[in-house]
Amino acid sequence: MSNQQKSSSSVRPDDFAKSNRNDYYFILGIGGAAVGLFILPELLDSLAIVVGAYVWRREAGEGNRGLGVVILGILCMLVGLYFTSVVSLGSLLLG
């Protein structure tokens, strides 16, 4: 194998660890946003926003899934807070 072939096919071990870590945080952000619709939207959707910002920063030049997680976290927080207030107001008026 020539030196040119070695350099073009060499992959650093950190690339795989970085990709797996970003995948883990991406899934954590999506899961936090989804669960945050129903349970503790203030806490879980805030977690989704922070994790999404972290993934966004780590995937600076790539497809950047972190921005999608940040937007999803914000939307889920707004919807979760709205439904939490509607349920609370309904229980106050009916109870």
PDB file of N, CA and C in Angstrom:
ATOM      1  N   MET A   1       0.838  -1.174   0.000  1.00  0.00           N
ATOM      2  CA  MET A   1       0.000   0.000   0.000  1.00  0.00           C
ATOM      3  C   MET A   1       0.889   1.245   0.000  1.00  0.00           C
ATOM      4  N   SER A   2       0.624   2.173  -0.852  1.00  0.00           N
ATOM      5  CA  SER A   2       1.446   3.368  -0.923  1.00  0.00           C
ATOM      6  C   SER A   2       1.053   4.364   0.154  1.00  0.00           C
ATOM      7  N   ASN A   3       1.889   5.365   0.360  1.00  0.00           N
ATOM      8  CA  ASN A   3       1.614   6.385   1.374  1.00  0.00           C
ATOM      9  C   ASN A   3       0.375   7.196   1.038  1.00  0.00           C
ATOM     10  N   GLN A   4       0.149   7.414  -0.255  1.00  0.00           N
ATOM     11  CA  GLN A   4      -1.019   8.188  -0.664  1.00  0.00           C
ATOM     12  C   GLN A   4      -2.310   7.448  -0.330  1.00  0.00           C
ATOM     13  N   GLN A   5      -2.347   6.150  -0.523  1.00  0.00           N
ATOM     14  CA  GLN A   5      -3.532   5.367  -0.202  1.00  0.00           C
ATOM     15  C   GLN A   5      -3.772   5.321   1.300  1.00  0.00           C
ATOM     16  N   LYS A   6      -2.728   5.241   2.088  1.00  0.00           N
ATOM     17  CA  LYS A   6      -2.870   5.214   3.540  1.00  0.00           C
ATOM     18  C   LYS A   6      -3.462   6.513   4.066  1.00  0.00           C
ATOM     19  N   SER A   7      -2.971   7.639   3.557  1.00  0.00           N
ATOM     20  CA  SER A   7      -3.441   8.926   4.072  1.00  0.00           C
ATOM     21  C   SER A   7      -4.884   9.211   3.656  1.00  0.00           C
ATOM     22  N   SER A   8      -5.289   8.752   2.475  1.00  0.00           N
ATOM     23  CA  SER A   8      -6.650   9.030   2.032  1.00  0.00           C
ATOM     24  C   SER A   8      -7.671   8.141   2.724  1.00  0.00           C
ATOM     25  N   SER A   9      -7.269   6.969   3.186  1.00  0.00           N
ATOM     26  CA  SER A   9      -8.223   6.065   3.823  1.00  0.00           C
ATOM     27  C   SER A   9      -8.115   6.080   5.344  1.00  0.00           C
ATOM     28  N   SER A  10      -7.243   6.899   5.885  1.00  0.00           N
ATOM     29  CA  SER A  10      -7.086   6.906   7.342  1.00  0.00           C
ATOM     30  C   SER A  10      -8.232   7.689   7.988  1.00  0.00           C
ATOM     31  N   VAL A  11      -8.808   7.079   9.006  1.00  0.00           N
ATOM     32  CA  VAL A  11      -9.898   7.691   9.754  1.00  0.00           C
ATOM     33  C   VAL A  11      -9.484   7.722  11.207  1.00  0.00           C
ATOM     34  N   ARG A  12      -9.637   8.842  11.820  1.00  0.00           N
ATOM     35  CA  ARG A  12      -9.261   8.958  13.223  1.00  0.00           C
ATOM     36  C   ARG A  12     -10.306   8.292  14.105  1.00  0.00           C
ATOM     37  N   PRO A  13      -9.892   7.664  15.184  1.00  0.00           N
ATOM     38  CA  PRO A  13     -10.853   7.024  16.091  1.00  0.00           C
ATOM     39  C   PRO A  13     -11.797   8.022  16.750  1.00  0.00           C
ATOM     40  N   ASP A  14     -11.375   9.261  16.897  1.00  0.00           N
ATOM     41  CA  ASP A  14     -12.226  10.276  17.514  1.00  0.00           C
ATOM     42  C   ASP A  14     -13.457  10.581  16.671  1.00  0.00           C
ATOM     43  N   ASP A  15     -13.367  10.386  15.351  1.00  0.00           N
ATOM     44  CA  ASP A  15     -14.505  10.660  14.478  1.00  0.00           C
ATOM     45  C   ASP A  15     -15.694   9.777  14.819  1.00  0.00           C
ATOM     46  N   PHE A  16     -15.446   8.508  15.113  1.00  0.00           N
ATOM     47  CA  PHE A  16     -16.534   7.597  15.450  1.00  0.00           C
ATOM     48  C   PHE A  16     -17.116   7.925  16.815  1.00  0.00           C
ATOM     49  N   ALA A  17     -16.261   8.229  17.778  1.00  0.00           N
ATOM     50  CA  ALA A  17     -16.744   8.557  19.124  1.00  0.00           C
ATOM     51  C   ALA A  17     -17.562   9.842  19.098  1.00  0.00           C
ATOM     52  N   LYS A  18     -17.122  10.811  18.335  1.00  0.00           N
ATOM     53  CA  LYS A  18     -17.845  12.076  18.225  1.00  0.00           C
ATOM     54  C   LYS A  18     -19.203  11.871  17.570  1.00  0.00           C
ATOM     55  N   SER A  19     -19.253  11.057  16.536  1.00  0.00           N
ATOM     56  CA  SER A  19     -20.507  10.793  15.840  1.00  0.00           C
ATOM     57  C   SER A  19     -21.475  10.047  16.752  1.00  0.00           C
ATOM     58  N   ASN A  20     -21.007   9.036  17.472  1.00  0.00           N
ATOM     59  CA  ASN A  20     -21.882   8.284  18.374  1.00  0.00           C
ATOM     60  C   ASN A  20     -22.399   9.158  19.508  1.00  0.00           C
ATOM     61  N   ARG A  21     -21.564  10.033  20.030  1.00  0.00           N
ATOM     62  CA  ARG A  21     -21.976  10.930  21.108  1.00  0.00           C
ATOM     63  C   ARG A  21     -23.025  11.910  20.605  1.00  0.00           C
ATOM     64  N   ASN A  22     -22.849  12.445  19.405  1.00  0.00           N
ATOM     65  CA  ASN A  22     -23.839  13.354  18.838  1.00  0.00           C
ATOM     66  C   ASN A  22     -25.163  12.639  18.588  1.00  0.00           C
ATOM     67  N   ASP A  23     -25.098  11.388  18.135  1.00  0.00           N
ATOM     68  CA  ASP A  23     -26.326  10.610  17.943  1.00  0.00           C
ATOM     69  C   ASP A  23     -27.044  10.403  19.265  1.00  0.00           C
ATOM     70  N   TYR A  24     -26.292  10.089  20.308  1.00  0.00           N
ATOM     71  CA  TYR A  24     -26.881   9.888  21.630  1.00  0.00           C
ATOM     72  C   TYR A  24     -27.564  11.165  22.116  1.00  0.00           C
ATOM     73  N   TYR A  25     -26.893  12.296  22.007  1.00  0.00           N
ATOM     74  CA  TYR A  25     -27.477  13.557  22.464  1.00  0.00           C
ATOM     75  C   TYR A  25     -28.661  13.975  21.588  1.00  0.00           C
ATOM     76  N   PHE A  26     -28.606  13.674  20.313  1.00  0.00           N
ATOM     77  CA  PHE A  26     -29.727  13.968  19.414  1.00  0.00           C
ATOM     78  C   PHE A  26     -30.974  13.191  19.853  1.00  0.00           C
ATOM     79  N   ILE A  27     -30.806  11.904  20.125  1.00  0.00           N
ATOM     80  CA  ILE A  27     -31.928  11.078  20.574  1.00  0.00           C
ATOM     81  C   ILE A  27     -32.419  11.542  21.940  1.00  0.00           C
ATOM     82  N   LEU A  28     -31.504  11.916  22.825  1.00  0.00           N
ATOM     83  CA  LEU A  28     -31.886  12.443  24.140  1.00  0.00           C
ATOM     84  C   LEU A  28     -32.707  13.723  23.999  1.00  0.00           C
ATOM     85  N   GLY A  29     -32.325  14.595  23.094  1.00  0.00           N
ATOM     86  CA  GLY A  29     -33.065  15.835  22.874  1.00  0.00           C
ATOM     87  C   GLY A  29     -34.452  15.598  22.311  1.00  0.00           C
ATOM     88  N   ILE A  30     -34.564  14.701  21.341  1.00  0.00           N
ATOM     89  CA  ILE A  30     -35.869  14.378  20.757  1.00  0.00           C
ATOM     90  C   ILE A  30     -36.770  13.737  21.820  1.00  0.00           C
ATOM     91  N   GLY A  31     -36.221  12.804  22.578  1.00  0.00           N
ATOM     92  CA  GLY A  31     -37.000  12.136  23.624  1.00  0.00           C
ATOM     93  C   GLY A  31     -37.438  13.095  24.713  1.00  0.00           C
ATOM     94  N   GLY A  32     -36.547  13.982  25.117  1.00  0.00           N
ATOM     95  CA  GLY A  32     -36.902  14.980  26.133  1.00  0.00           C
ATOM     96  C   GLY A  32     -38.000  15.911  25.664  1.00  0.00           C
ATOM     97  N   ALA A  33     -37.944  16.301  24.411  1.00  0.00           N
ATOM     98  CA  ALA A  33     -38.988  17.180  23.866  1.00  0.00           C
ATOM     99  C   ALA A  33     -40.329  16.458  23.789  1.00  0.00           C
ATOM    100  N   ALA A  34     -40.314  15.192  23.389  1.00  0.00           N
ATOM    101  CA  ALA A  34     -41.561  14.433  23.255  1.00  0.00           C
ATOM    102  C   ALA A  34     -42.204  14.178  24.620  1.00  0.00           C
ATOM    103  N   VAL A  35     -41.409  13.770  25.591  1.00  0.00           N
ATOM    104  CA  VAL A  35     -41.949  13.508  26.927  1.00  0.00           C
ATOM    105  C   VAL A  35     -42.349  14.818  27.598  1.00  0.00           C
ATOM    106  N   GLY A  36     -41.643  15.888  27.273  1.00  0.00           N
ATOM    107  CA  GLY A  36     -41.936  17.197  27.844  1.00  0.00           C
ATOM    108  C   GLY A  36     -43.281  17.764  27.431  1.00  0.00           C
ATOM    109  N   LEU A  37     -43.879  17.213  26.397  1.00  0.00           N
ATOM    110  CA  LEU A  37     -45.235  17.634  26.033  1.00  0.00           C
ATOM    111  C   LEU A  37     -46.229  17.285  27.131  1.00  0.00           C
ATOM    112  N   PHE A  38     -45.997  16.188  27.822  1.00  0.00           N
ATOM    113  CA  PHE A  38     -46.962  15.677  28.783  1.00  0.00           C
ATOM    114  C   PHE A  38     -46.529  15.833  30.237  1.00  0.00           C
ATOM    115  N   ILE A  39     -45.222  15.772  30.501  1.00  0.00           N
ATOM    116  CA  ILE A  39     -44.715  15.792  31.873  1.00  0.00           C
ATOM    117  C   ILE A  39     -43.638  16.865  31.999  1.00  0.00           C
ATOM    118  N   LEU A  40     -43.807  17.785  32.910  1.00  0.00           N
ATOM    119  CA  LEU A  40     -42.833  18.834  33.221  1.00  0.00           C
ATOM    120  C   LEU A  40     -42.240  19.520  31.985  1.00  0.00           C
ATOM    121  N   PRO A  41     -43.069  20.225  31.227  1.00  0.00           N
ATOM    122  CA  PRO A  41     -42.536  20.858  30.011  1.00  0.00           C
ATOM    123  C   PRO A  41     -41.455  21.894  30.302  1.00  0.00           C
ATOM    124  N   GLU A  42     -41.509  22.535  31.467  1.00  0.00           N
ATOM    125  CA  GLU A  42     -40.498  23.548  31.787  1.00  0.00           C
ATOM    126  C   GLU A  42     -39.118  22.922  31.906  1.00  0.00           C
ATOM    127  N   LEU A  43     -39.056  21.734  32.474  1.00  0.00           N
ATOM    128  CA  LEU A  43     -37.772  21.089  32.720  1.00  0.00           C
ATOM    129  C   LEU A  43     -37.291  20.281  31.507  1.00  0.00           C
ATOM    130  N   LEU A  44     -38.125  19.415  31.002  1.00  0.00           N
ATOM    131  CA  LEU A  44     -37.687  18.502  29.947  1.00  0.00           C
ATOM    132  C   LEU A  44     -37.490  19.205  28.604  1.00  0.00           C
ATOM    133  N   ASP A  45     -38.334  20.168  28.293  1.00  0.00           N
ATOM    134  CA  ASP A  45     -38.138  20.880  27.032  1.00  0.00           C
ATOM    135  C   ASP A  45     -36.955  21.844  27.108  1.00  0.00           C
ATOM    136  N   SER A  46     -36.691  22.361  28.291  1.00  0.00           N
ATOM    137  CA  SER A  46     -35.471  23.160  28.466  1.00  0.00           C
ATOM    138  C   SER A  46     -34.240  22.286  28.269  1.00  0.00           C
ATOM    139  N   LEU A  47     -34.306  21.056  28.773  1.00  0.00           N
ATOM    140  CA  LEU A  47     -33.220  20.107  28.554  1.00  0.00           C
ATOM    141  C   LEU A  47     -33.034  19.838  27.059  1.00  0.00           C
ATOM    142  N   ALA A  48     -34.138  19.675  26.337  1.00  0.00           N
ATOM    143  CA  ALA A  48     -34.062  19.428  24.894  1.00  0.00           C
ATOM    144  C   ALA A  48     -33.416  20.613  24.175  1.00  0.00           C
ATOM    145  N   ILE A  49     -33.728  21.824  24.588  1.00  0.00           N
ATOM    146  CA  ILE A  49     -33.154  23.018  23.956  1.00  0.00           C
ATOM    147  C   ILE A  49     -31.650  23.083  24.210  1.00  0.00           C
ATOM    148  N   VAL A  50     -31.235  22.816  25.433  1.00  0.00           N
ATOM    149  CA  VAL A  50     -29.808  22.866  25.776  1.00  0.00           C
ATOM    150  C   VAL A  50     -29.042  21.769  25.041  1.00  0.00           C
ATOM    151  N   VAL A  51     -29.584  20.559  25.021  1.00  0.00           N
ATOM    152  CA  VAL A  51     -28.921  19.458  24.323  1.00  0.00           C
ATOM    153  C   VAL A  51     -28.877  19.736  22.823  1.00  0.00           C
ATOM    154  N   GLY A  52     -29.945  20.298  22.270  1.00  0.00           N
ATOM    155  CA  GLY A  52     -29.953  20.648  20.854  1.00  0.00           C
ATOM    156  C   GLY A  52     -28.906  21.700  20.521  1.00  0.00           C
ATOM    157  N   ALA A  53     -28.729  22.665  21.407  1.00  0.00           N
ATOM    158  CA  ALA A  53     -27.696  23.679  21.186  1.00  0.00           C
ATOM    159  C   ALA A  53     -26.302  23.056  21.237  1.00  0.00           C
ATOM    160  N   TYR A  54     -26.131  22.071  22.117  1.00  0.00           N
ATOM    161  CA  TYR A  54     -24.848  21.374  22.206  1.00  0.00           C
ATOM    162  C   TYR A  54     -24.555  20.604  20.914  1.00  0.00           C
ATOM    163  N   VAL A  55     -25.554  19.882  20.420  1.00  0.00           N
ATOM    164  CA  VAL A  55     -25.381  19.133  19.172  1.00  0.00           C
ATOM    165  C   VAL A  55     -25.167  20.096  18.012  1.00  0.00           C
ATOM    166  N   TRP A  56     -25.871  21.207  18.014  1.00  0.00           N
ATOM    167  CA  TRP A  56     -25.733  22.223  16.963  1.00  0.00           C
ATOM    168  C   TRP A  56     -24.300  22.733  16.906  1.00  0.00           C
ATOM    169  N   ARG A  57     -23.724  22.983  18.065  1.00  0.00           N
ATOM    170  CA  ARG A  57     -22.359  23.492  18.111  1.00  0.00           C
ATOM    171  C   ARG A  57     -21.354  22.433  17.674  1.00  0.00           C
ATOM    172  N   ARG A  58     -21.592  21.172  18.057  1.00  0.00           N
ATOM    173  CA  ARG A  58     -20.651  20.091  17.721  1.00  0.00           C
ATOM    174  C   ARG A  58     -20.709  19.731  16.237  1.00  0.00           C
ATOM    175  N   GLU A  59     -21.845  19.894  15.587  1.00  0.00           N
ATOM    176  CA  GLU A  59     -21.994  19.572  14.172  1.00  0.00           C
ATOM    177  C   GLU A  59     -21.971  20.848  13.331  1.00  0.00           C
ATOM    178  N   ALA A  60     -20.996  21.675  13.554  1.00  0.00           N
ATOM    179  CA  ALA A  60     -20.972  23.019  12.976  1.00  0.00           C
ATOM    180  C   ALA A  60     -21.066  23.017  11.447  1.00  0.00           C
ATOM    181  N   GLY A  61     -20.353  22.148  10.750  1.00  0.00           N
ATOM    182  CA  GLY A  61     -20.340  22.229   9.302  1.00  0.00           C
ATOM    183  C   GLY A  61     -21.145  21.154   8.606  1.00  0.00           C
ATOM    184  N   GLU A  62     -21.816  20.315   9.347  1.00  0.00           N
ATOM    185  CA  GLU A  62     -22.500  19.162   8.765  1.00  0.00           C
ATOM    186  C   GLU A  62     -23.977  19.449   8.561  1.00  0.00           C
ATOM    187  N   GLY A  63     -24.793  18.409   8.496  1.00  0.00           N
ATOM    188  CA  GLY A  63     -26.232  18.546   8.295  1.00  0.00           C
ATOM    189  C   GLY A  63     -26.927  19.272   9.428  1.00  0.00           C
ATOM    190  N   ASN A  64     -26.323  19.288  10.576  1.00  0.00           N
ATOM    191  CA  ASN A  64     -26.747  20.061  11.741  1.00  0.00           C
ATOM    192  C   ASN A  64     -28.163  19.755  12.196  1.00  0.00           C
ATOM    193  N   ARG A  65     -28.305  18.632  12.855  1.00  0.00           N
ATOM    194  CA  ARG A  65     -29.584  18.216  13.407  1.00  0.00           C
ATOM    195  C   ARG A  65     -29.918  18.979  14.684  1.00  0.00           C
ATOM    196  N   GLY A  66     -28.932  19.609  15.283  1.00  0.00           N
ATOM    197  CA  GLY A  66     -29.139  20.316  16.547  1.00  0.00           C
ATOM    198  C   GLY A  66     -30.126  21.461  16.437  1.00  0.00           C
ATOM    199  N   LEU A  67     -30.113  22.164  15.325  1.00  0.00           N
ATOM    200  CA  LEU A  67     -31.049  23.264  15.126  1.00  0.00           C
ATOM    201  C   LEU A  67     -32.482  22.752  15.144  1.00  0.00           C
ATOM    202  N   GLY A  68     -32.710  21.609  14.539  1.00  0.00           N
ATOM    203  CA  GLY A  68     -34.040  21.009  14.557  1.00  0.00           C
ATOM    204  C   GLY A  68     -34.487  20.643  15.962  1.00  0.00           C
ATOM    205  N   VAL A  69     -33.554  20.153  16.786  1.00  0.00           N
ATOM    206  CA  VAL A  69     -33.887  19.805  18.166  1.00  0.00           C
ATOM    207  C   VAL A  69     -34.203  21.058  18.973  1.00  0.00           C
ATOM    208  N   VAL A  70     -33.471  22.133  18.742  1.00  0.00           N
ATOM    209  CA  VAL A  70     -33.745  23.392  19.446  1.00  0.00           C
ATOM    210  C   VAL A  70     -35.144  23.899  19.085  1.00  0.00           C
ATOM    211  N   ILE A  71     -35.474  23.903  17.809  1.00  0.00           N
ATOM    212  CA  ILE A  71     -36.793  24.369  17.375  1.00  0.00           C
ATOM    213  C   ILE A  71     -37.890  23.461  17.915  1.00  0.00           C
ATOM    214  N   LEU A  72     -37.662  22.147  17.865  1.00  0.00           N
ATOM    215  CA  LEU A  72     -38.639  21.195  18.400  1.00  0.00           C
ATOM    216  C   LEU A  72     -38.826  21.398  19.900  1.00  0.00           C
ATOM    217  N   GLY A  73     -37.745  21.639  20.628  1.00  0.00           N
ATOM    218  CA  GLY A  73     -37.840  21.882  22.070  1.00  0.00           C
ATOM    219  C   GLY A  73     -38.642  23.132  22.384  1.00  0.00           C
ATOM    220  N   ILE A  74     -38.437  24.186  21.613  1.00  0.00           N
ATOM    221  CA  ILE A  74     -39.186  25.429  21.836  1.00  0.00           C
ATOM    222  C   ILE A  74     -40.668  25.221  21.539  1.00  0.00           C
ATOM    223  N   LEU A  75     -40.980  24.565  20.428  1.00  0.00           N
ATOM    224  CA  LEU A  75     -42.383  24.324  20.077  1.00  0.00           C
ATOM    225  C   LEU A  75     -43.073  23.419  21.098  1.00  0.00           C
ATOM    226  N   CYS A  76     -42.393  22.366  21.510  1.00  0.00           N
ATOM    227  CA  CYS A  76     -42.980  21.456  22.505  1.00  0.00           C
ATOM    228  C   CYS A  76     -43.162  22.152  23.846  1.00  0.00           C
ATOM    229  N   MET A  77     -42.258  23.055  24.193  1.00  0.00           N
ATOM    230  CA  MET A  77     -42.412  23.790  25.440  1.00  0.00           C
ATOM    231  C   MET A  77     -43.640  24.692  25.387  1.00  0.00           C
ATOM    232  N   LEU A  78     -43.815  25.394  24.287  1.00  0.00           N
ATOM    233  CA  LEU A  78     -44.971  26.277  24.165  1.00  0.00           C
ATOM    234  C   LEU A  78     -46.286  25.495  24.200  1.00  0.00           C
ATOM    235  N   VAL A  79     -46.336  24.391  23.474  1.00  0.00           N
ATOM    236  CA  VAL A  79     -47.553  23.572  23.451  1.00  0.00           C
ATOM    237  C   VAL A  79     -47.794  22.935  24.821  1.00  0.00           C
ATOM    238  N   GLY A  80     -46.749  22.425  25.443  1.00  0.00           N
ATOM    239  CA  GLY A  80     -46.887  21.807  26.761  1.00  0.00           C
ATOM    240  C   GLY A  80     -47.340  22.798  27.819  1.00  0.00           C
ATOM    241  N   LEU A  81     -46.782  24.004  27.804  1.00  0.00           N
ATOM    242  CA  LEU A  81     -47.199  25.031  28.763  1.00  0.00           C
ATOM    243  C   LEU A  81     -48.637  25.458  28.518  1.00  0.00           C
ATOM    244  N   TYR A  82     -49.040  25.538  27.258  1.00  0.00           N
ATOM    245  CA  TYR A  82     -50.415  25.907  26.940  1.00  0.00           C
ATOM    246  C   TYR A  82     -51.392  24.868  27.483  1.00  0.00           C
ATOM    247  N   PHE A  83     -51.123  23.607  27.187  1.00  0.00           N
ATOM    248  CA  PHE A  83     -52.042  22.563  27.645  1.00  0.00           C
ATOM    249  C   PHE A  83     -52.011  22.410  29.162  1.00  0.00           C
ATOM    250  N   THR A  84     -50.879  22.629  29.790  1.00  0.00           N
ATOM    251  CA  THR A  84     -50.812  22.592  31.249  1.00  0.00           C
ATOM    252  C   THR A  84     -51.675  23.694  31.844  1.00  0.00           C
ATOM    253  N   SER A  85     -51.622  24.881  31.268  1.00  0.00           N
ATOM    254  CA  SER A  85     -52.445  25.978  31.786  1.00  0.00           C
ATOM    255  C   SER A  85     -53.914  25.739  31.519  1.00  0.00           C
ATOM    256  N   VAL A  86     -54.279  25.171  30.380  1.00  0.00           N
ATOM    257  CA  VAL A  86     -55.689  24.891  30.067  1.00  0.00           C
ATOM    258  C   VAL A  86     -56.240  23.847  31.034  1.00  0.00           C
ATOM    259  N   VAL A  87     -55.462  22.795  31.293  1.00  0.00           N
ATOM    260  CA  VAL A  87     -55.910  21.760  32.224  1.00  0.00           C
ATOM    261  C   VAL A  87     -56.041  22.326  33.629  1.00  0.00           C
ATOM    262  N   SER A  88     -55.088  23.136  34.047  1.00  0.00           N
ATOM    263  CA  SER A  88     -55.158  23.734  35.383  1.00  0.00           C
ATOM    264  C   SER A  88     -56.348  24.695  35.505  1.00  0.00           C
ATOM    265  N   LEU A  89     -56.571  25.508  34.503  1.00  0.00           N
ATOM    266  CA  LEU A  89     -57.698  26.429  34.538  1.00  0.00           C
ATOM    267  C   LEU A  89     -59.014  25.688  34.496  1.00  0.00           C
ATOM    268  N   GLY A  90     -59.071  24.600  33.721  1.00  0.00           N
ATOM    269  CA  GLY A  90     -60.289  23.807  33.660  1.00  0.00           C
ATOM    270  C   GLY A  90     -60.603  23.152  34.987  1.00  0.00           C
ATOM    271  N   SER A  91     -59.600  22.690  35.688  1.00  0.00           N
ATOM    272  CA  SER A  91     -59.846  22.065  36.989  1.00  0.00           C
ATOM    273  C   SER A  91     -60.250  23.112  38.031  1.00  0.00           C
ATOM    274  N   LEU A  92     -59.770  24.335  37.889  1.00  0.00           N
ATOM    275  CA  LEU A  92     -60.163  25.390  38.819  1.00  0.00           C
ATOM    276  C   LEU A  92     -61.633  25.811  38.585  1.00  0.00           C
ATOM    277  N   LEU A  93     -62.016  25.915  37.312  1.00  0.00           N
ATOM    278  CA  LEU A  93     -63.364  26.348  36.999  1.00  0.00           C
ATOM    279  C   LEU A  93     -64.405  25.269  37.251  1.00  0.00           C
ATOM    280  N   LEU A  94     -64.050  24.029  37.009  1.00  0.00           N
ATOM    281  CA  LEU A  94     -65.002  22.933  37.158  1.00  0.00           C
ATOM    282  C   LEU A  94     -64.996  22.347  38.570  1.00  0.00           C
ATOM    283  N   GLY A  95     -63.909  22.544  39.296  1.00  0.00           N
ATOM    284  CA  GLY A  95     -63.762  21.878  40.598  1.00  0.00           C
ATOM    285  C   GLY A  95     -64.248  22.694  41.694  1.00  0.00           C
TER     286      GLY A  95
END
